[in-house]
Protein backbone atom coordinates (compact mmCIF):
# COMPACT_ATOMS: atom_id res chain seq x y z
CA MET A 1 121.81 115.80 118.73
CA PRO A 2 119.47 115.21 116.25
CA ILE A 3 119.55 112.48 113.98
CA THR A 4 120.71 112.88 110.73
CA ARG A 5 121.30 109.01 109.45
CA VAL A 6 119.08 105.95 110.17
CA ALA A 7 121.45 102.99 110.08
CA LYS A 8 120.30 101.10 112.61
CA PHE A 9 116.45 100.58 114.07
CA GLU A 10 117.29 102.36 117.48
CA ASP A 11 118.13 105.74 115.23
CA LEU A 12 114.74 105.23 113.85
CA LEU A 13 113.17 105.15 116.90
CA ALA A 14 114.73 108.11 117.69
CA PHE A 15 114.29 109.74 114.41
CA LEU A 16 110.53 108.79 114.84
CA SER A 17 110.59 110.24 118.15
CA GLU A 18 112.60 113.69 117.53
CA SER A 19 110.12 114.40 114.40
CA ASN A 20 107.15 114.02 116.69
CA VAL A 21 105.90 111.27 114.72
CA PRO A 22 103.37 109.02 116.85
CA PHE A 23 104.14 105.49 116.43
CA GLN A 24 104.01 102.22 118.90
CA VAL A 25 107.25 99.82 118.78
CA ASP A 26 108.24 96.01 119.25
CA ASN A 27 111.19 96.05 119.89
CA ALA A 28 111.80 91.97 119.92
CA ALA A 29 110.43 92.20 116.10
CA LYS A 30 111.46 95.15 115.27
CA VAL A 31 108.73 96.75 114.08
CA ALA A 32 107.34 100.41 114.70
CA VAL A 33 104.11 100.81 113.75
CA LEU A 34 102.71 104.51 112.55
CA PRO A 35 99.52 105.58 112.20
CA LEU A 36 98.11 107.20 109.31
CA ASN A 37 95.36 109.26 109.08
CA GLU A 38 95.60 110.69 105.48
CA PRO A 39 91.58 110.00 104.06
CA PRO A 40 91.48 108.10 102.15
CA LEU A 41 94.11 106.55 103.63
CA VAL A 42 93.42 105.45 107.42
CA GLY A 43 95.32 102.70 108.98
CA GLN A 44 99.15 102.11 110.13
CA ILE A 45 102.60 101.70 108.31
CA LEU A 46 105.17 99.03 109.99
CA ILE A 47 108.23 99.56 109.21
CA ARG A 48 110.52 96.17 110.11
CA TRP A 49 114.01 96.27 110.25
CA GLU A 50 114.67 92.89 109.55
CA LYS A 51 116.95 90.98 112.21
CA GLN A 52 119.37 88.92 109.55
CA LEU A 53 119.42 91.03 106.81
CA PRO A 54 120.64 94.24 105.66
CA TYR A 55 116.81 95.53 104.72
CA VAL A 56 114.11 97.48 106.06
CA GLN A 57 110.52 97.09 104.68
CA ILE A 58 107.82 99.38 104.89
CA LEU A 59 104.54 98.44 104.43
CA TYR A 60 100.76 99.60 104.34
CA PRO A 61 97.70 97.84 104.06
CA LEU A 62 95.63 98.80 101.40
CA VAL A 63 92.78 96.40 100.62
CA ARG A 64 91.44 94.05 103.36
CA ASP A 65 89.10 90.99 103.47
CA VAL A 66 89.83 90.29 99.89
CA PRO A 67 86.89 87.86 98.70
CA ALA A 68 88.60 84.64 97.75
CA GLU A 69 86.65 84.98 94.45
CA ARG A 70 88.44 88.54 93.61
CA ARG A 71 91.70 86.82 94.16
CA GLY A 72 93.11 86.16 90.63
CA GLU A 73 91.58 89.58 89.71
CA VAL A 74 93.28 91.24 92.43
CA GLU A 75 96.31 89.35 91.22
CA HIS A 76 95.62 90.47 87.34
CA ALA A 77 95.77 94.05 88.97
CA ILE A 78 98.76 93.63 91.05
CA CYS A 79 100.69 92.26 88.34
CA ARG A 80 100.09 95.20 85.46
CA ALA A 81 100.21 97.89 88.11
CA ASN A 82 104.34 96.63 89.23
CA ASN A 83 105.06 96.01 85.83
CA THR A 84 103.87 99.94 84.84
CA ILE A 85 104.67 102.53 87.87
CA SER A 86 107.79 103.92 88.77
CA LEU A 87 107.93 102.43 92.11
CA PRO A 88 106.76 99.06 92.12
CA GLY A 89 105.73 97.01 95.39
CA PHE A 90 101.93 96.15 95.21
CA GLY A 91 101.09 92.59 96.65
CA TYR A 92 99.17 90.33 98.09
CA GLU A 93 98.97 88.65 101.35
CA TYR A 94 97.46 85.25 100.87
CA SER A 95 97.13 84.32 104.76
CA SER A 96 95.52 86.80 105.41
CA ASN A 97 93.73 88.10 102.57
CA PHE A 98 94.83 91.92 101.63
CA ILE A 99 96.65 93.95 99.37
CA TYR A 100 99.50 96.06 100.79
CA PHE A 101 102.18 98.43 99.25
CA ARG A 102 105.75 97.52 100.73
CA LEU A 103 108.92 98.64 99.92
CA THR A 104 112.38 97.07 100.74
CA VAL A 105 115.00 99.25 101.48
CA PRO A 106 118.48 98.30 101.75
CA MET A 107 120.10 99.05 104.76
CA TYR A 108 124.05 98.88 104.97
CA GLU A 109 126.56 99.79 107.91
CA GLU A 110 126.50 103.11 106.90
CA GLY A 111 122.71 103.19 106.90
CA MET A 112 120.82 106.02 105.25
CA LEU A 113 120.27 109.87 105.71
CA ALA A 114 117.31 110.30 107.66
CA LEU A 115 115.62 112.97 105.47
CA SER A 116 116.10 110.39 102.73
CA PHE A 117 114.61 107.49 105.10
CA ARG A 118 111.37 109.83 105.22
CA ARG A 119 110.97 110.25 101.53
CA GLN A 120 110.93 106.36 101.44
CA VAL A 121 108.36 106.42 103.55
CA GLU A 122 106.05 109.10 101.65
CA GLY A 123 106.92 107.45 98.24
CA VAL A 124 104.62 103.97 100.58
CA ILE A 125 102.00 106.28 101.32
CA SER A 126 101.90 107.89 97.53
CA ASN A 127 101.67 104.88 96.23
CA SER A 128 99.27 103.76 98.13
CA ARG A 129 97.02 107.24 97.93
CA ASP A 130 97.09 106.51 94.08
CA PHE A 131 95.98 103.11 94.23
CA LEU A 132 93.76 102.70 97.29
CA VAL A 133 90.73 103.70 95.54
CA PRO A 134 91.53 101.61 92.40
CA PHE A 135 92.08 98.83 94.37
CA GLN A 136 88.65 98.98 96.47
CA GLN A 137 87.04 98.56 92.97
CA VAL A 138 88.68 96.04 91.63
CA VAL A 139 87.41 94.23 94.92
CA ALA A 140 84.32 95.50 94.38
CA GLY A 141 84.18 94.44 90.82
CA GLU A 142 86.02 95.88 88.43
CA PRO A 143 87.93 93.74 86.46
CA GLY A 144 91.94 93.56 87.24
CA GLU A 145 93.30 94.59 83.68
CA LYS A 146 91.68 98.18 84.32
CA ILE A 147 93.26 98.86 87.07
CA LEU A 148 95.28 101.51 85.52
CA GLN A 149 92.73 103.15 83.78
CA LEU A 150 90.81 103.23 87.83
CA ALA A 151 94.12 104.49 89.08
CA VAL A 152 93.69 107.64 86.23
CA ALA A 153 90.46 108.16 86.77
CA ALA A 154 90.83 108.32 90.61
CA ALA A 155 93.79 111.23 90.42
CA GLN A 156 91.24 113.26 88.06
CA ALA A 157 88.80 113.01 90.80
CA ARG A 158 91.07 113.84 93.55
CA LYS A 159 91.97 117.17 91.22
CA SER A 160 88.51 118.30 90.86
């Protein structure tokens, strides 16, 4: 029987399997790792089912190895982006020095339609695609306050 609702980690794994989505799983941590190869996005999406809370986190690491001297500008860019876009979720992992996009989805007993869950993952991919190059530019030296202008320029470049 096809998976129509995702209400627990096992449902997610079954849905990914029947959708022919490649993934690796860490059952103990309740994490599914999906490869993403949609240039410029190349990496992994992590889907973590929280053990003690009714949440699922969908996370894509955007830019790794952010130099310490660029951290302030990156923080500035993250705040500007999150306060402007429709689906905020950019963050910075201080212990590993990387920028990410994360969406936290409430997952109560009734779960969520499987296709709606897929749309949540697609939202993470979309925002990550829109801001990957702009965040790379901030890390490379652009001021964080220009993140939105950089995103507009990147979108125009993708269209041409």
